[in-house]
Amino acid sequence: MRPLVNNHMGLLNRKGHTMKQAPPRKVKVYLWQECDWWVAQCLEIDVASQGRTEDEALTNLREALELYFEEPVPTVFPQVRTLELAFA
């Protein structure tokens, strides 16, 4: 996992784009073992991950939540179009 980098303009996300730093947020996590895997699920947001250890599952969940809250950056500029609709 590539860490967030702080530069003179603010934090940079994994793609190198500047982003605003939000205040820390605490979430409740449900953690359980299924066979050889540990599963970590955020109770407030429907995001889950897994790992071979409890720590790995929590680390993977943290990364999944960071990606969930990361602002989307389009790779292609979106097109705006107009549709004509006929109603009965």
PDB file of N, CA and C in Angstrom:
ATOM      1  N   MET A   1       0.839  -1.165   0.000  1.00  0.00           N
ATOM      2  CA  MET A   1       0.000   0.000   0.000  1.00  0.00           C
ATOM      3  C   MET A   1       0.888   1.234   0.000  1.00  0.00           C
ATOM      4  N   ARG A   2       0.718   2.090  -1.000  1.00  0.00           N
ATOM      5  CA  ARG A   2       1.477   3.322  -1.081  1.00  0.00           C
ATOM      6  C   ARG A   2       0.884   4.347  -0.118  1.00  0.00           C
ATOM      7  N   PRO A   3       1.697   4.928   0.770  1.00  0.00           N
ATOM      8  CA  PRO A   3       1.140   5.864   1.749  1.00  0.00           C
ATOM      9  C   PRO A   3       0.750   7.177   1.106  1.00  0.00           C
ATOM     10  N   LEU A   4      -0.120   7.910   1.807  1.00  0.00           N
ATOM     11  CA  LEU A   4      -0.450   9.250   1.371  1.00  0.00           C
ATOM     12  C   LEU A   4       0.772  10.132   1.607  1.00  0.00           C
ATOM     13  N   VAL A   5       1.032  11.050   0.703  1.00  0.00           N
ATOM     14  CA  VAL A   5       2.206  11.903   0.788  1.00  0.00           C
ATOM     15  C   VAL A   5       1.746  13.332   1.030  1.00  0.00           C
ATOM     16  N   ASN A   6       2.394  14.013   1.961  1.00  0.00           N
ATOM     17  CA  ASN A   6       2.060  15.398   2.257  1.00  0.00           C
ATOM     18  C   ASN A   6       3.044  16.295   1.516  1.00  0.00           C
ATOM     19  N   ASN A   7       2.542  17.159   0.624  1.00  0.00           N
ATOM     20  CA  ASN A   7       3.401  18.119  -0.058  1.00  0.00           C
ATOM     21  C   ASN A   7       2.923  19.525   0.291  1.00  0.00           C
ATOM     22  N   HIS A   8       3.466  20.549  -0.348  1.00  0.00           N
ATOM     23  CA  HIS A   8       3.099  21.926  -0.021  1.00  0.00           C
ATOM     24  C   HIS A   8       1.641  22.238  -0.371  1.00  0.00           C
ATOM     25  N   MET A   9       0.997  21.455  -1.229  1.00  0.00           N
ATOM     26  CA  MET A   9      -0.387  21.699  -1.631  1.00  0.00           C
ATOM     27  C   MET A   9      -1.372  20.862  -0.827  1.00  0.00           C
ATOM     28  N   GLY A  10      -0.920  19.937  -0.030  1.00  0.00           N
ATOM     29  CA  GLY A  10      -1.808  19.072   0.731  1.00  0.00           C
ATOM     30  C   GLY A  10      -1.460  17.618   0.524  1.00  0.00           C
ATOM     31  N   LEU A  11      -2.368  16.733   0.897  1.00  0.00           N
ATOM     32  CA  LEU A  11      -2.126  15.297   0.753  1.00  0.00           C
ATOM     33  C   LEU A  11      -2.283  14.869  -0.692  1.00  0.00           C
ATOM     34  N   LEU A  12      -1.489  13.874  -1.085  1.00  0.00           N
ATOM     35  CA  LEU A  12      -1.612  13.274  -2.407  1.00  0.00           C
ATOM     36  C   LEU A  12      -2.144  11.867  -2.231  1.00  0.00           C
ATOM     37  N   ASN A  13      -3.127  11.486  -3.056  1.00  0.00           N
ATOM     38  CA  ASN A  13      -3.658  10.133  -2.980  1.00  0.00           C
ATOM     39  C   ASN A  13      -2.733   9.174  -3.723  1.00  0.00           C
ATOM     40  N   ARG A  14      -3.128   7.918  -3.816  1.00  0.00           N
ATOM     41  CA  ARG A  14      -2.278   6.897  -4.441  1.00  0.00           C
ATOM     42  C   ARG A  14      -1.975   7.199  -5.908  1.00  0.00           C
ATOM     43  N   LYS A  15      -2.849   7.968  -6.551  1.00  0.00           N
ATOM     44  CA  LYS A  15      -2.640   8.292  -7.960  1.00  0.00           C
ATOM     45  C   LYS A  15      -1.840   9.579  -8.135  1.00  0.00           C
ATOM     46  N   GLY A  16      -1.423  10.201  -7.016  1.00  0.00           N
ATOM     47  CA  GLY A  16      -0.642  11.419  -7.100  1.00  0.00           C
ATOM     48  C   GLY A  16      -1.471  12.681  -7.205  1.00  0.00           C
ATOM     49  N   HIS A  17      -2.789  12.588  -7.030  1.00  0.00           N
ATOM     50  CA  HIS A  17      -3.659  13.759  -7.098  1.00  0.00           C
ATOM     51  C   HIS A  17      -3.825  14.371  -5.705  1.00  0.00           C
ATOM     52  N   THR A  18      -3.880  15.706  -5.666  1.00  0.00           N
ATOM     53  CA  THR A  18      -4.059  16.398  -4.398  1.00  0.00           C
ATOM     54  C   THR A  18      -5.466  16.141  -3.861  1.00  0.00           C
ATOM     55  N   MET A  19      -5.566  15.926  -2.551  1.00  0.00           N
ATOM     56  CA  MET A  19      -6.865  15.714  -1.929  1.00  0.00           C
ATOM     57  C   MET A  19      -6.909  16.432  -0.590  1.00  0.00           C
ATOM     58  N   LYS A  20      -8.101  16.749  -0.140  1.00  0.00           N
ATOM     59  CA  LYS A  20      -8.283  17.402   1.145  1.00  0.00           C
ATOM     60  C   LYS A  20      -8.160  16.368   2.249  1.00  0.00           C
ATOM     61  N   GLN A  21      -7.597  16.783   3.364  1.00  0.00           N
ATOM     62  CA  GLN A  21      -7.462  15.867   4.488  1.00  0.00           C
ATOM     63  C   GLN A  21      -8.692  15.996   5.370  1.00  0.00           C
ATOM     64  N   ALA A  22      -9.420  14.921   5.514  1.00  0.00           N
ATOM     65  CA  ALA A  22     -10.603  14.889   6.363  1.00  0.00           C
ATOM     66  C   ALA A  22     -10.176  14.554   7.787  1.00  0.00           C
ATOM     67  N   PRO A  23     -10.961  14.991   8.757  1.00  0.00           N
ATOM     68  CA  PRO A  23     -10.625  14.619  10.129  1.00  0.00           C
ATOM     69  C   PRO A  23     -10.731  13.108  10.316  1.00  0.00           C
ATOM     70  N   PRO A  24      -9.951  12.546  11.232  1.00  0.00           N
ATOM     71  CA  PRO A  24     -10.019  11.089  11.465  1.00  0.00           C
ATOM     72  C   PRO A  24     -11.433  10.668  11.846  1.00  0.00           C
ATOM     73  N   ARG A  25     -11.805   9.488  11.422  1.00  0.00           N
ATOM     74  CA  ARG A  25     -13.131   8.955  11.710  1.00  0.00           C
ATOM     75  C   ARG A  25     -12.975   7.570  12.306  1.00  0.00           C
ATOM     76  N   LYS A  26     -13.668   7.312  13.383  1.00  0.00           N
ATOM     77  CA  LYS A  26     -13.632   5.984  13.998  1.00  0.00           C
ATOM     78  C   LYS A  26     -14.845   5.202  13.526  1.00  0.00           C
ATOM     79  N   VAL A  27     -14.615   3.940  13.191  1.00  0.00           N
ATOM     80  CA  VAL A  27     -15.707   3.058  12.761  1.00  0.00           C
ATOM     81  C   VAL A  27     -15.617   1.757  13.561  1.00  0.00           C
ATOM     82  N   LYS A  28     -16.750   1.123  13.741  1.00  0.00           N
ATOM     83  CA  LYS A  28     -16.796  -0.161  14.437  1.00  0.00           C
ATOM     84  C   LYS A  28     -16.566  -1.269  13.415  1.00  0.00           C
ATOM     85  N   VAL A  29     -15.744  -2.235  13.821  1.00  0.00           N
ATOM     86  CA  VAL A  29     -15.366  -3.330  12.925  1.00  0.00           C
ATOM     87  C   VAL A  29     -15.727  -4.651  13.578  1.00  0.00           C
ATOM     88  N   TYR A  30     -16.355  -5.508  12.815  1.00  0.00           N
ATOM     89  CA  TYR A  30     -16.671  -6.866  13.239  1.00  0.00           C
ATOM     90  C   TYR A  30     -15.558  -7.760  12.699  1.00  0.00           C
ATOM     91  N   LEU A  31     -14.901  -8.527  13.560  1.00  0.00           N
ATOM     92  CA  LEU A  31     -13.750  -9.341  13.179  1.00  0.00           C
ATOM     93  C   LEU A  31     -14.001 -10.786  13.590  1.00  0.00           C
ATOM     94  N   TRP A  32     -13.896 -11.710  12.630  1.00  0.00           N
ATOM     95  CA  TRP A  32     -14.097 -13.114  12.955  1.00  0.00           C
ATOM     96  C   TRP A  32     -13.221 -13.989  12.059  1.00  0.00           C
ATOM     97  N   GLN A  33     -13.071 -15.239  12.460  1.00  0.00           N
ATOM     98  CA  GLN A  33     -12.237 -16.175  11.716  1.00  0.00           C
ATOM     99  C   GLN A  33     -13.115 -17.177  10.987  1.00  0.00           C
ATOM    100  N   GLU A  34     -12.778 -17.403   9.716  1.00  0.00           N
ATOM    101  CA  GLU A  34     -13.415 -18.436   8.883  1.00  0.00           C
ATOM    102  C   GLU A  34     -12.305 -19.336   8.364  1.00  0.00           C
ATOM    103  N   CYS A  35     -12.229 -20.539   8.900  1.00  0.00           N
ATOM    104  CA  CYS A  35     -11.155 -21.490   8.554  1.00  0.00           C
ATOM    105  C   CYS A  35      -9.807 -20.823   8.796  1.00  0.00           C
ATOM    106  N   ASP A  36      -8.980 -20.696   7.752  1.00  0.00           N
ATOM    107  CA  ASP A  36      -7.641 -20.126   7.910  1.00  0.00           C
ATOM    108  C   ASP A  36      -7.610 -18.606   7.733  1.00  0.00           C
ATOM    109  N   TRP A  37      -8.742 -17.990   7.456  1.00  0.00           N
ATOM    110  CA  TRP A  37      -8.794 -16.560   7.148  1.00  0.00           C
ATOM    111  C   TRP A  37      -9.494 -15.770   8.246  1.00  0.00           C
ATOM    112  N   TRP A  38      -9.024 -14.538   8.462  1.00  0.00           N
ATOM    113  CA  TRP A  38      -9.705 -13.582   9.328  1.00  0.00           C
ATOM    114  C   TRP A  38     -10.470 -12.615   8.444  1.00  0.00           C
ATOM    115  N   VAL A  39     -11.700 -12.316   8.814  1.00  0.00           N
ATOM    116  CA  VAL A  39     -12.551 -11.396   8.058  1.00  0.00           C
ATOM    117  C   VAL A  39     -12.799 -10.171   8.925  1.00  0.00           C
ATOM    118  N   ALA A  40     -12.646  -8.994   8.330  1.00  0.00           N
ATOM    119  CA  ALA A  40     -12.920  -7.730   9.011  1.00  0.00           C
ATOM    120  C   ALA A  40     -13.993  -6.998   8.207  1.00  0.00           C
ATOM    121  N   GLN A  41     -15.082  -6.629   8.872  1.00  0.00           N
ATOM    122  CA  GLN A  41     -16.190  -5.945   8.203  1.00  0.00           C
ATOM    123  C   GLN A  41     -16.526  -4.680   8.974  1.00  0.00           C
ATOM    124  N   CYS A  42     -16.626  -3.576   8.247  1.00  0.00           N
ATOM    125  CA  CYS A  42     -17.031  -2.313   8.853  1.00  0.00           C
ATOM    126  C   CYS A  42     -18.542  -2.351   9.043  1.00  0.00           C
ATOM    127  N   LEU A  43     -19.016  -2.035  10.242  1.00  0.00           N
ATOM    128  CA  LEU A  43     -20.444  -2.120  10.530  1.00  0.00           C
ATOM    129  C   LEU A  43     -21.218  -0.907  10.024  1.00  0.00           C
ATOM    130  N   GLU A  44     -20.581   0.277   9.964  1.00  0.00           N
ATOM    131  CA  GLU A  44     -21.276   1.475   9.500  1.00  0.00           C
ATOM    132  C   GLU A  44     -21.362   1.565   7.980  1.00  0.00           C
ATOM    133  N   ILE A  45     -20.367   0.995   7.302  1.00  0.00           N
ATOM    134  CA  ILE A  45     -20.288   1.054   5.840  1.00  0.00           C
ATOM    135  C   ILE A  45     -20.129  -0.374   5.349  1.00  0.00           C
ATOM    136  N   ASP A  46     -20.816  -0.728   4.296  1.00  0.00           N
ATOM    137  CA  ASP A  46     -20.791  -2.107   3.818  1.00  0.00           C
ATOM    138  C   ASP A  46     -19.502  -2.388   3.045  1.00  0.00           C
ATOM    139  N   VAL A  47     -18.387  -2.479   3.796  1.00  0.00           N
ATOM    140  CA  VAL A  47     -17.074  -2.782   3.227  1.00  0.00           C
ATOM    141  C   VAL A  47     -16.441  -3.852   4.104  1.00  0.00           C
ATOM    142  N   ALA A  48     -15.843  -4.852   3.478  1.00  0.00           N
ATOM    143  CA  ALA A  48     -15.195  -5.934   4.221  1.00  0.00           C
ATOM    144  C   ALA A  48     -13.901  -6.325   3.516  1.00  0.00           C
ATOM    145  N   SER A  49     -13.018  -6.986   4.259  1.00  0.00           N
ATOM    146  CA  SER A  49     -11.782  -7.504   3.694  1.00  0.00           C
ATOM    147  C   SER A  49     -11.362  -8.717   4.517  1.00  0.00           C
ATOM    148  N   GLN A  50     -10.247  -9.328   4.128  1.00  0.00           N
ATOM    149  CA  GLN A  50      -9.780 -10.519   4.833  1.00  0.00           C
ATOM    150  C   GLN A  50      -8.266 -10.545   4.859  1.00  0.00           C
ATOM    151  N   GLY A  51      -7.729 -11.427   5.678  1.00  0.00           N
ATOM    152  CA  GLY A  51      -6.285 -11.605   5.766  1.00  0.00           C
ATOM    153  C   GLY A  51      -5.977 -12.891   6.506  1.00  0.00           C
ATOM    154  N   ARG A  52      -4.736 -13.316   6.449  1.00  0.00           N
ATOM    155  CA  ARG A  52      -4.328 -14.557   7.128  1.00  0.00           C
ATOM    156  C   ARG A  52      -4.218 -14.361   8.636  1.00  0.00           C
ATOM    157  N   THR A  53      -4.061 -13.101   9.083  1.00  0.00           N
ATOM    158  CA  THR A  53      -4.001 -12.788  10.512  1.00  0.00           C
ATOM    159  C   THR A  53      -5.013 -11.674  10.797  1.00  0.00           C
ATOM    160  N   GLU A  54      -5.286 -11.447  12.096  1.00  0.00           N
ATOM    161  CA  GLU A  54      -6.180 -10.349  12.471  1.00  0.00           C
ATOM    162  C   GLU A  54      -5.619  -9.018  11.983  1.00  0.00           C
ATOM    163  N   ASP A  55      -4.322  -8.799  12.207  1.00  0.00           N
ATOM    164  CA  ASP A  55      -3.696  -7.539  11.792  1.00  0.00           C
ATOM    165  C   ASP A  55      -3.767  -7.337  10.281  1.00  0.00           C
ATOM    166  N   GLU A  56      -3.534  -8.399   9.518  1.00  0.00           N
ATOM    167  CA  GLU A  56      -3.589  -8.291   8.063  1.00  0.00           C
ATOM    168  C   GLU A  56      -5.013  -7.977   7.597  1.00  0.00           C
ATOM    169  N   ALA A  57      -6.001  -8.599   8.212  1.00  0.00           N
ATOM    170  CA  ALA A  57      -7.396  -8.324   7.851  1.00  0.00           C
ATOM    171  C   ALA A  57      -7.750  -6.878   8.147  1.00  0.00           C
ATOM    172  N   LEU A  58      -7.316  -6.355   9.299  1.00  0.00           N
ATOM    173  CA  LEU A  58      -7.592  -4.961   9.655  1.00  0.00           C
ATOM    174  C   LEU A  58      -6.848  -3.989   8.741  1.00  0.00           C
ATOM    175  N   THR A  59      -5.606  -4.306   8.401  1.00  0.00           N
ATOM    176  CA  THR A  59      -4.842  -3.464   7.474  1.00  0.00           C
ATOM    177  C   THR A  59      -5.518  -3.425   6.110  1.00  0.00           C
ATOM    178  N   ASN A  60      -5.961  -4.592   5.634  1.00  0.00           N
ATOM    179  CA  ASN A  60      -6.639  -4.661   4.340  1.00  0.00           C
ATOM    180  C   ASN A  60      -7.972  -3.910   4.374  1.00  0.00           C
ATOM    181  N   LEU A  61      -8.690  -3.986   5.499  1.00  0.00           N
ATOM    182  CA  LEU A  61      -9.954  -3.252   5.624  1.00  0.00           C
ATOM    183  C   LEU A  61      -9.689  -1.751   5.629  1.00  0.00           C
ATOM    184  N   ARG A  62      -8.649  -1.311   6.331  1.00  0.00           N
ATOM    185  CA  ARG A  62      -8.308   0.120   6.343  1.00  0.00           C
ATOM    186  C   ARG A  62      -8.061   0.613   4.918  1.00  0.00           C
ATOM    187  N   GLU A  63      -7.283  -0.143   4.142  1.00  0.00           N
ATOM    188  CA  GLU A  63      -7.006   0.249   2.757  1.00  0.00           C
ATOM    189  C   GLU A  63      -8.294   0.266   1.926  1.00  0.00           C
ATOM    190  N   ALA A  64      -9.161  -0.730   2.113  1.00  0.00           N
ATOM    191  CA  ALA A  64     -10.417  -0.777   1.370  1.00  0.00           C
ATOM    192  C   ALA A  64     -11.295   0.436   1.716  1.00  0.00           C
ATOM    193  N   LEU A  65     -11.331   0.824   2.991  1.00  0.00           N
ATOM    194  CA  LEU A  65     -12.121   1.990   3.394  1.00  0.00           C
ATOM    195  C   LEU A  65     -11.517   3.286   2.849  1.00  0.00           C
ATOM    196  N   GLU A  66     -10.191   3.393   2.837  1.00  0.00           N
ATOM    197  CA  GLU A  66      -9.553   4.572   2.258  1.00  0.00           C
ATOM    198  C   GLU A  66      -9.902   4.701   0.784  1.00  0.00           C
ATOM    199  N   LEU A  67      -9.885   3.582   0.063  1.00  0.00           N
ATOM    200  CA  LEU A  67     -10.257   3.606  -1.357  1.00  0.00           C
ATOM    201  C   LEU A  67     -11.736   3.936  -1.531  1.00  0.00           C
ATOM    202  N   TYR A  68     -12.577   3.446  -0.627  1.00  0.00           N
ATOM    203  CA  TYR A  68     -14.016   3.713  -0.691  1.00  0.00           C
ATOM    204  C   TYR A  68     -14.287   5.215  -0.587  1.00  0.00           C
ATOM    205  N   PHE A  69     -13.557   5.896   0.301  1.00  0.00           N
ATOM    206  CA  PHE A  69     -13.791   7.317   0.528  1.00  0.00           C
ATOM    207  C   PHE A  69     -12.962   8.222  -0.382  1.00  0.00           C
ATOM    208  N   GLU A  70     -12.032   7.657  -1.139  1.00  0.00           N
ATOM    209  CA  GLU A  70     -11.203   8.461  -2.039  1.00  0.00           C
ATOM    210  C   GLU A  70     -12.069   9.052  -3.143  1.00  0.00           C
ATOM    211  N   GLU A  71     -11.857  10.340  -3.422  1.00  0.00           N
ATOM    212  CA  GLU A  71     -12.623  10.987  -4.474  1.00  0.00           C
ATOM    213  C   GLU A  71     -12.266  10.367  -5.816  1.00  0.00           C
ATOM    214  N   PRO A  72     -13.280  10.066  -6.648  1.00  0.00           N
ATOM    215  CA  PRO A  72     -12.982   9.478  -7.954  1.00  0.00           C
ATOM    216  C   PRO A  72     -12.293  10.497  -8.860  1.00  0.00           C
ATOM    217  N   VAL A  73     -11.357  10.006  -9.644  1.00  0.00           N
ATOM    218  CA  VAL A  73     -10.660  10.836 -10.612  1.00  0.00           C
ATOM    219  C   VAL A  73     -10.896  10.201 -11.982  1.00  0.00           C
ATOM    220  N   PRO A  74     -11.652  10.888 -12.854  1.00  0.00           N
ATOM    221  CA  PRO A  74     -11.932  10.283 -14.158  1.00  0.00           C
ATOM    222  C   PRO A  74     -10.670  10.160 -14.997  1.00  0.00           C
ATOM    223  N   THR A  75     -10.552   9.053 -15.700  1.00  0.00           N
ATOM    224  CA  THR A  75      -9.419   8.865 -16.604  1.00  0.00           C
ATOM    225  C   THR A  75      -9.732   9.442 -17.980  1.00  0.00           C
ATOM    226  N   VAL A  76     -11.011   9.589 -18.268  1.00  0.00           N
ATOM    227  CA  VAL A  76     -11.471  10.191 -19.521  1.00  0.00           C
ATOM    228  C   VAL A  76     -12.495  11.246 -19.143  1.00  0.00           C
ATOM    229  N   PHE A  77     -12.393  12.424 -19.743  1.00  0.00           N
ATOM    230  CA  PHE A  77     -13.338  13.489 -19.424  1.00  0.00           C
ATOM    231  C   PHE A  77     -14.753  13.050 -19.823  1.00  0.00           C
ATOM    232  N   PRO A  78     -15.728  13.164 -18.905  1.00  0.00           N
ATOM    233  CA  PRO A  78     -17.082  12.702 -19.214  1.00  0.00           C
ATOM    234  C   PRO A  78     -17.744  13.567 -20.283  1.00  0.00           C
ATOM    235  N   GLN A  79     -18.595  12.952 -21.077  1.00  0.00           N
ATOM    236  CA  GLN A  79     -19.347  13.655 -22.111  1.00  0.00           C
ATOM    237  C   GLN A  79     -20.736  13.987 -21.583  1.00  0.00           C
ATOM    238  N   VAL A  80     -21.209  15.181 -21.920  1.00  0.00           N
ATOM    239  CA  VAL A  80     -22.558  15.589 -21.555  1.00  0.00           C
ATOM    240  C   VAL A  80     -23.407  15.518 -22.814  1.00  0.00           C
ATOM    241  N   ARG A  81     -24.508  14.807 -22.728  1.00  0.00           N
ATOM    242  CA  ARG A  81     -25.385  14.650 -23.897  1.00  0.00           C
ATOM    243  C   ARG A  81     -26.815  14.959 -23.502  1.00  0.00           C
ATOM    244  N   THR A  82     -27.655  15.238 -24.493  1.00  0.00           N
ATOM    245  CA  THR A  82     -29.062  15.523 -24.273  1.00  0.00           C
ATOM    246  C   THR A  82     -29.884  14.407 -24.883  1.00  0.00           C
ATOM    247  N   LEU A  83     -30.867  13.924 -24.122  1.00  0.00           N
ATOM    248  CA  LEU A  83     -31.792  12.905 -24.629  1.00  0.00           C
ATOM    249  C   LEU A  83     -33.145  13.545 -24.864  1.00  0.00           C
ATOM    250  N   GLU A  84     -33.790  13.150 -25.938  1.00  0.00           N
ATOM    251  CA  GLU A  84     -35.151  13.611 -26.218  1.00  0.00           C
ATOM    252  C   GLU A  84     -36.096  12.477 -25.860  1.00  0.00           C
ATOM    253  N   LEU A  85     -37.074  12.753 -25.018  1.00  0.00           N
ATOM    254  CA  LEU A  85     -38.011  11.739 -24.556  1.00  0.00           C
ATOM    255  C   LEU A  85     -39.408  12.050 -25.064  1.00  0.00           C
ATOM    256  N   ALA A  86     -40.135  11.021 -25.442  1.00  0.00           N
ATOM    257  CA  ALA A  86     -41.535  11.178 -25.860  1.00  0.00           C
ATOM    258  C   ALA A  86     -42.429  10.518 -24.812  1.00  0.00           C
ATOM    259  N   PHE A  87     -43.389  11.266 -24.328  1.00  0.00           N
ATOM    260  CA  PHE A  87     -44.325  10.744 -23.321  1.00  0.00           C
ATOM    261  C   PHE A  87     -45.696  10.581 -23.938  1.00  0.00           C
ATOM    262  N   ALA A  88     -46.417   9.558 -23.500  1.00  0.00           N
ATOM    263  CA  ALA A  88     -47.761   9.303 -24.016  1.00  0.00           C
ATOM    264  C   ALA A  88     -48.771  10.188 -23.317  1.00  0.00           C
TER     265      ALA A  88
END
